[in-house]
């Protein structure tokens, strides 16, 4: 009797694990997240080995991976980083334009001062 109860309990626990694993796989698919054994193990608390050994779960996992084949995933952290980098790039481009304007105005000022200096030197030479 105890043995039968133990077998029933183990089967029920195993079915619950299968359901949890399959639910997690489907959830990752719906959320457009990459379906990996590492991610599934982390999210479900099940071992990596479970996803490879359980035939039904492995079948669902393989099907999910084939659906995602060729899909490029962008993690939320990467998207935020990319957005921040784009904003930083824009700020730097604006700063560069300001610096270029400053250089142009300084070059013009330099030319004006050099002409004035040459004019003054000519006047000094003429007085000699």
N, C-alpha and C. Protein backbone atom coordinates (compact mmCIF):
# COMPACT_ATOMS: atom_id res chain seq x y z
N UNK A 1 0.81 -1.19 0.00
CA UNK A 1 0.00 0.00 0.00
C UNK A 1 0.86 1.27 0.00
N UNK A 2 1.84 1.33 0.87
CA UNK A 2 2.70 2.51 0.94
C UNK A 2 3.43 2.69 -0.38
N UNK A 3 3.87 1.61 -0.97
CA UNK A 3 4.59 1.68 -2.24
C UNK A 3 3.70 2.28 -3.33
N UNK A 4 2.45 1.83 -3.39
CA UNK A 4 1.51 2.35 -4.40
C UNK A 4 1.27 3.84 -4.21
N UNK A 5 1.13 4.26 -2.98
CA UNK A 5 0.93 5.69 -2.69
C UNK A 5 2.15 6.51 -3.12
N UNK A 6 3.31 5.95 -2.85
CA UNK A 6 4.55 6.64 -3.20
C UNK A 6 4.67 6.76 -4.73
N UNK A 7 4.32 5.72 -5.45
CA UNK A 7 4.38 5.74 -6.91
C UNK A 7 3.40 6.76 -7.46
N UNK A 8 2.17 6.77 -6.93
CA UNK A 8 1.17 7.75 -7.37
C UNK A 8 1.64 9.19 -7.12
N UNK A 9 2.19 9.39 -5.95
CA UNK A 9 2.67 10.73 -5.60
C UNK A 9 3.80 11.15 -6.53
N UNK A 10 4.73 10.27 -6.80
CA UNK A 10 5.85 10.59 -7.70
C UNK A 10 5.35 10.91 -9.11
N UNK A 11 4.37 10.15 -9.57
CA UNK A 11 3.80 10.42 -10.90
C UNK A 11 3.12 11.79 -10.94
N UNK A 12 2.38 12.09 -9.88
CA UNK A 12 1.70 13.38 -9.81
C UNK A 12 2.72 14.52 -9.78
N UNK A 13 3.77 14.38 -9.00
CA UNK A 13 4.82 15.40 -8.92
C UNK A 13 5.50 15.56 -10.27
N UNK A 14 5.75 14.44 -10.93
CA UNK A 14 6.40 14.49 -12.24
C UNK A 14 5.51 15.19 -13.27
N UNK A 15 4.21 14.93 -13.23
CA UNK A 15 3.26 15.59 -14.14
C UNK A 15 3.23 17.09 -13.87
N UNK A 16 3.26 17.47 -12.60
CA UNK A 16 3.27 18.89 -12.25
C UNK A 16 4.53 19.57 -12.78
N UNK A 17 5.65 18.88 -12.68
CA UNK A 17 6.91 19.42 -13.21
C UNK A 17 6.82 19.60 -14.72
N UNK A 18 6.27 18.59 -15.40
CA UNK A 18 6.12 18.67 -16.86
C UNK A 18 5.25 19.88 -17.23
N UNK A 19 4.13 20.03 -16.53
CA UNK A 19 3.22 21.14 -16.81
C UNK A 19 3.90 22.48 -16.57
N UNK A 20 4.66 22.56 -15.49
CA UNK A 20 5.38 23.79 -15.16
C UNK A 20 6.41 24.12 -16.25
N UNK A 21 7.11 23.10 -16.70
CA UNK A 21 8.14 23.29 -17.73
C UNK A 21 7.51 23.72 -19.05
N UNK A 22 6.45 23.05 -19.46
CA UNK A 22 5.78 23.36 -20.73
C UNK A 22 5.16 24.76 -20.66
N UNK A 23 4.58 25.10 -19.53
CA UNK A 23 4.01 26.43 -19.35
C UNK A 23 5.10 27.50 -19.49
N UNK A 24 6.27 27.24 -18.89
CA UNK A 24 7.37 28.20 -18.95
C UNK A 24 7.87 28.36 -20.39
N UNK A 25 7.94 27.27 -21.13
CA UNK A 25 8.37 27.33 -22.53
C UNK A 25 7.39 28.18 -23.34
N UNK A 26 6.11 27.91 -23.16
CA UNK A 26 5.09 28.65 -23.90
C UNK A 26 5.09 30.13 -23.51
N UNK A 27 5.33 30.40 -22.25
CA UNK A 27 5.36 31.78 -21.78
C UNK A 27 6.53 32.53 -22.42
N UNK A 28 7.70 31.89 -22.50
CA UNK A 28 8.85 32.52 -23.14
C UNK A 28 8.55 32.80 -24.61
N UNK A 29 7.88 31.87 -25.26
CA UNK A 29 7.52 32.07 -26.67
C UNK A 29 6.59 33.27 -26.82
N UNK A 30 5.58 33.35 -25.95
CA UNK A 30 4.62 34.46 -26.02
C UNK A 30 5.28 35.80 -25.75
N UNK A 31 6.25 35.81 -24.85
CA UNK A 31 6.94 37.04 -24.48
C UNK A 31 8.08 37.35 -25.44
N UNK A 32 8.23 36.52 -26.46
CA UNK A 32 9.27 36.69 -27.47
C UNK A 32 10.66 36.73 -26.83
N UNK A 33 10.87 35.86 -25.88
CA UNK A 33 12.16 35.71 -25.21
C UNK A 33 12.82 34.44 -25.74
N UNK A 34 14.15 34.39 -25.76
CA UNK A 34 14.82 33.18 -26.23
C UNK A 34 14.54 32.00 -25.30
N UNK A 35 14.19 30.87 -25.89
CA UNK A 35 13.91 29.67 -25.10
C UNK A 35 15.21 28.89 -24.97
N UNK A 36 15.80 28.97 -23.78
CA UNK A 36 17.03 28.24 -23.50
C UNK A 36 16.83 27.41 -22.23
N UNK A 37 17.57 26.33 -22.16
CA UNK A 37 17.46 25.46 -20.99
C UNK A 37 17.89 26.21 -19.73
N UNK A 38 18.91 27.03 -19.85
CA UNK A 38 19.36 27.81 -18.68
C UNK A 38 18.26 28.72 -18.16
N UNK A 39 17.62 29.43 -19.07
CA UNK A 39 16.53 30.33 -18.67
C UNK A 39 15.38 29.55 -18.05
N UNK A 40 15.03 28.43 -18.68
CA UNK A 40 13.93 27.61 -18.16
C UNK A 40 14.25 27.06 -16.78
N UNK A 41 15.47 26.58 -16.59
CA UNK A 41 15.86 26.05 -15.29
C UNK A 41 15.77 27.14 -14.22
N UNK A 42 16.20 28.32 -14.59
CA UNK A 42 16.17 29.45 -13.66
C UNK A 42 14.73 29.83 -13.30
N UNK A 43 13.87 29.90 -14.32
CA UNK A 43 12.49 30.34 -14.09
C UNK A 43 11.63 29.30 -13.38
N UNK A 44 11.89 28.02 -13.63
CA UNK A 44 11.04 26.97 -13.07
C UNK A 44 11.60 26.34 -11.80
N UNK A 45 12.89 26.47 -11.60
CA UNK A 45 13.50 25.81 -10.44
C UNK A 45 13.80 24.35 -10.71
N UNK A 46 13.56 23.90 -11.94
CA UNK A 46 13.85 22.51 -12.31
C UNK A 46 15.28 22.42 -12.81
N UNK A 47 15.82 21.20 -12.75
CA UNK A 47 17.20 21.03 -13.18
C UNK A 47 17.30 21.08 -14.70
N UNK A 48 18.48 21.41 -15.17
CA UNK A 48 18.72 21.41 -16.62
C UNK A 48 18.52 20.00 -17.17
N UNK A 49 18.94 19.04 -16.38
CA UNK A 49 18.82 17.64 -16.78
C UNK A 49 17.36 17.26 -17.06
N UNK A 50 16.45 17.81 -16.27
CA UNK A 50 15.03 17.51 -16.44
C UNK A 50 14.56 17.84 -17.86
N UNK A 51 15.02 18.97 -18.37
CA UNK A 51 14.58 19.41 -19.70
C UNK A 51 15.14 18.53 -20.82
N UNK A 52 16.25 17.87 -20.55
CA UNK A 52 16.82 16.98 -21.55
C UNK A 52 16.28 15.56 -21.44
N UNK A 53 16.04 15.12 -20.20
CA UNK A 53 15.63 13.72 -19.99
C UNK A 53 14.15 13.47 -20.22
N UNK A 54 13.30 14.43 -19.90
CA UNK A 54 11.87 14.22 -20.04
C UNK A 54 11.48 14.35 -21.51
N UNK A 55 10.99 13.27 -22.06
CA UNK A 55 10.73 13.20 -23.49
C UNK A 55 9.71 14.24 -23.96
N UNK A 56 8.62 14.37 -23.27
CA UNK A 56 7.55 15.30 -23.67
C UNK A 56 8.06 16.74 -23.61
N UNK A 57 8.74 17.07 -22.54
CA UNK A 57 9.26 18.42 -22.36
C UNK A 57 10.32 18.71 -23.43
N UNK A 58 11.19 17.75 -23.68
CA UNK A 58 12.23 17.93 -24.70
C UNK A 58 11.60 18.17 -26.08
N UNK A 59 10.50 17.46 -26.36
CA UNK A 59 9.80 17.62 -27.63
C UNK A 59 9.25 19.05 -27.77
N UNK A 60 8.59 19.54 -26.71
CA UNK A 60 8.04 20.90 -26.73
C UNK A 60 9.17 21.92 -26.84
N UNK A 61 10.26 21.67 -26.14
CA UNK A 61 11.43 22.56 -26.17
C UNK A 61 12.03 22.62 -27.58
N UNK A 62 12.18 21.48 -28.20
CA UNK A 62 12.74 21.42 -29.56
C UNK A 62 11.85 22.17 -30.54
N UNK A 63 10.55 21.98 -30.41
CA UNK A 63 9.60 22.66 -31.29
C UNK A 63 9.68 24.18 -31.09
N UNK A 64 9.77 24.60 -29.85
CA UNK A 64 9.85 26.04 -29.55
C UNK A 64 11.12 26.63 -30.13
N UNK A 65 12.23 25.92 -29.98
CA UNK A 65 13.50 26.41 -30.52
C UNK A 65 13.46 26.52 -32.04
N UNK A 66 12.82 25.55 -32.68
CA UNK A 66 12.74 25.60 -34.14
C UNK A 66 11.87 26.78 -34.59
N UNK A 67 10.87 27.13 -33.81
CA UNK A 67 10.04 28.30 -34.13
C UNK A 67 10.86 29.58 -34.04
N UNK A 68 11.80 29.59 -33.13
CA UNK A 68 12.59 30.80 -32.91
C UNK A 68 13.86 30.83 -33.75
N UNK A 69 14.10 29.85 -34.54
CA UNK A 69 15.31 29.79 -35.34
C UNK A 69 15.41 31.01 -36.26
N UNK A 70 16.53 31.68 -36.21
CA UNK A 70 16.74 32.86 -37.04
C UNK A 70 16.21 34.15 -36.43
N UNK A 71 15.52 34.07 -35.31
CA UNK A 71 14.98 35.26 -34.65
C UNK A 71 16.10 35.92 -33.84
N UNK A 72 16.23 37.22 -33.99
CA UNK A 72 17.22 37.97 -33.22
C UNK A 72 16.52 38.61 -32.03
N UNK A 73 17.01 38.30 -30.86
CA UNK A 73 16.39 38.82 -29.63
C UNK A 73 17.17 40.02 -29.14
N UNK A 74 16.44 40.96 -28.61
CA UNK A 74 17.08 42.12 -28.01
C UNK A 74 16.64 42.19 -26.56
N UNK A 75 17.57 42.04 -25.70
CA UNK A 75 17.28 42.09 -24.28
C UNK A 75 16.90 43.52 -23.88
N UNK A 76 16.01 43.67 -22.90
CA UNK A 76 15.60 45.01 -22.47
C UNK A 76 16.78 45.87 -22.03
N UNK A 77 17.77 45.26 -21.35
CA UNK A 77 18.93 46.02 -20.90
C UNK A 77 19.71 46.55 -22.11
N UNK A 78 19.82 45.74 -23.13
CA UNK A 78 20.55 46.15 -24.32
C UNK A 78 19.79 47.28 -25.02
N UNK A 79 18.49 47.17 -25.08
CA UNK A 79 17.69 48.22 -25.71
C UNK A 79 17.87 49.54 -24.97
N UNK A 80 17.86 49.51 -23.65
CA UNK A 80 18.08 50.73 -22.86
C UNK A 80 19.48 51.28 -23.09
N UNK A 81 20.45 50.39 -23.12
CA UNK A 81 21.83 50.79 -23.35
C UNK A 81 21.97 51.43 -24.73
N UNK A 82 21.36 50.79 -25.74
CA UNK A 82 21.42 51.33 -27.11
C UNK A 82 20.78 52.71 -27.18
N UNK A 83 19.66 52.87 -26.50
CA UNK A 83 18.96 54.16 -26.49
C UNK A 83 19.83 55.23 -25.82
N UNK A 84 20.44 54.88 -24.70
CA UNK A 84 21.30 55.81 -23.99
C UNK A 84 22.52 56.17 -24.84
N UNK A 85 23.07 55.19 -25.52
CA UNK A 85 24.23 55.45 -26.38
C UNK A 85 23.85 56.35 -27.56
N UNK A 86 22.67 56.15 -28.12
CA UNK A 86 22.22 56.99 -29.23
C UNK A 86 22.04 58.43 -28.76
N UNK A 87 21.48 58.61 -27.57
CA UNK A 87 21.30 59.95 -27.02
C UNK A 87 22.66 60.60 -26.77
N UNK A 88 23.59 59.82 -26.23
CA UNK A 88 24.95 60.33 -25.98
C UNK A 88 25.62 60.73 -27.29
N UNK A 89 25.44 59.92 -28.31
CA UNK A 89 26.01 60.22 -29.62
C UNK A 89 25.45 61.54 -30.18
N UNK A 90 24.15 61.74 -30.03
CA UNK A 90 23.54 62.99 -30.50
C UNK A 90 24.11 64.19 -29.75
N UNK A 91 24.24 64.05 -28.42
CA UNK A 91 24.82 65.15 -27.62
C UNK A 91 26.24 65.45 -28.09
N UNK A 92 27.00 64.42 -28.36
CA UNK A 92 28.38 64.61 -28.79
C UNK A 92 28.46 65.23 -30.18
N UNK A 93 27.52 64.87 -31.06
CA UNK A 93 27.49 65.48 -32.40
C UNK A 93 27.20 66.97 -32.29
N UNK A 94 26.25 67.34 -31.42
CA UNK A 94 25.93 68.75 -31.22
C UNK A 94 27.13 69.50 -30.65
N UNK A 95 27.79 68.87 -29.69
CA UNK A 95 28.99 69.49 -29.09
C UNK A 95 30.07 69.66 -30.14
N UNK A 96 30.24 68.68 -31.01
CA UNK A 96 31.23 68.76 -32.08
C UNK A 96 30.92 69.92 -33.02
N UNK A 97 29.66 70.10 -33.36
CA UNK A 97 29.28 71.22 -34.22
C UNK A 97 29.60 72.56 -33.55
N UNK A 98 29.32 72.66 -32.26
CA UNK A 98 29.63 73.89 -31.52
C UNK A 98 31.14 74.15 -31.56
N UNK A 99 31.91 73.09 -31.34
CA UNK A 99 33.37 73.22 -31.35
C UNK A 99 33.87 73.64 -32.73
N UNK A 100 33.27 73.08 -33.78
CA UNK A 100 33.66 73.46 -35.15
C UNK A 100 33.34 74.93 -35.40
N UNK A 101 32.19 75.39 -34.92
CA UNK A 101 31.83 76.80 -35.06
C UNK A 101 32.85 77.69 -34.33
N UNK A 102 33.24 77.25 -33.15
CA UNK A 102 34.23 78.00 -32.37
C UNK A 102 35.55 78.07 -33.13
N UNK A 103 35.97 76.95 -33.69
CA UNK A 103 37.23 76.91 -34.45
C UNK A 103 37.15 77.86 -35.64
N UNK A 104 36.02 77.82 -36.37
CA UNK A 104 35.86 78.72 -37.52
C UNK A 104 35.93 80.19 -37.11
N UNK A 105 35.26 80.53 -36.03
CA UNK A 105 35.27 81.94 -35.59
C UNK A 105 36.67 82.34 -35.11
N UNK A 106 37.38 81.43 -34.45
CA UNK A 106 38.74 81.73 -34.00
C UNK A 106 39.70 81.87 -35.19
N UNK A 107 39.50 81.06 -36.22
CA UNK A 107 40.33 81.18 -37.42
C UNK A 107 40.09 82.53 -38.11
N UNK A 108 38.83 82.92 -38.18
CA UNK A 108 38.51 84.21 -38.79
C UNK A 108 39.13 85.35 -37.98
N UNK A 109 39.04 85.26 -36.67
CA UNK A 109 39.63 86.27 -35.78
C UNK A 109 41.14 86.30 -35.95
N UNK A 110 41.75 85.14 -36.06
CA UNK A 110 43.19 85.03 -36.24
C UNK A 110 43.62 85.72 -37.55
N UNK A 111 42.88 85.45 -38.62
CA UNK A 111 43.19 86.08 -39.91
C UNK A 111 43.07 87.59 -39.81
N UNK A 112 42.03 88.07 -39.17
CA UNK A 112 41.82 89.51 -39.01
C UNK A 112 42.97 90.13 -38.23
N UNK A 113 43.37 89.47 -37.15
CA UNK A 113 44.47 90.00 -36.33
C UNK A 113 45.80 89.96 -37.07
N UNK A 114 46.02 88.91 -37.87
CA UNK A 114 47.27 88.84 -38.64
C UNK A 114 47.33 89.96 -39.67
N UNK A 115 46.20 90.25 -40.31
CA UNK A 115 46.16 91.36 -41.28
C UNK A 115 46.44 92.68 -40.57
N UNK A 116 45.84 92.84 -39.39
CA UNK A 116 46.06 94.08 -38.63
C UNK A 116 47.52 94.20 -38.23
N UNK A 117 48.12 93.08 -37.85
CA UNK A 117 49.52 93.08 -37.44
C UNK A 117 50.42 93.43 -38.63
N UNK A 118 50.15 92.88 -39.80
CA UNK A 118 50.95 93.18 -40.99
C UNK A 118 50.81 94.66 -41.36
N UNK A 119 49.59 95.17 -41.24
CA UNK A 119 49.34 96.58 -41.54
C UNK A 119 50.14 97.47 -40.59
N UNK A 120 50.15 97.08 -39.30
CA UNK A 120 50.87 97.85 -38.31
C UNK A 120 52.36 97.79 -38.59
N UNK A 121 52.86 96.60 -38.94
CA UNK A 121 54.29 96.45 -39.24
C UNK A 121 54.67 97.29 -40.46
N UNK A 122 53.78 97.34 -41.48
CA UNK A 122 54.05 98.16 -42.66
C UNK A 122 54.12 99.64 -42.27
N UNK A 123 53.21 100.05 -41.44
CA UNK A 123 53.21 101.44 -40.97
C UNK A 123 54.49 101.76 -40.20
N UNK A 124 54.96 100.83 -39.40
CA UNK A 124 56.19 101.04 -38.65
C UNK A 124 57.37 101.14 -39.61
N UNK A 125 57.39 100.27 -40.63
CA UNK A 125 58.48 100.29 -41.60
C UNK A 125 58.47 101.58 -42.43
N UNK A 126 57.29 102.07 -42.76
CA UNK A 126 57.18 103.29 -43.54
C UNK A 126 57.71 104.50 -42.76
N UNK A 127 57.56 104.47 -41.47
CA UNK A 127 58.03 105.59 -40.63
C UNK A 127 59.53 105.61 -40.53
N UNK A 128 60.18 104.52 -40.81
CA UNK A 128 61.64 104.48 -40.70
C UNK A 128 62.27 105.21 -41.78
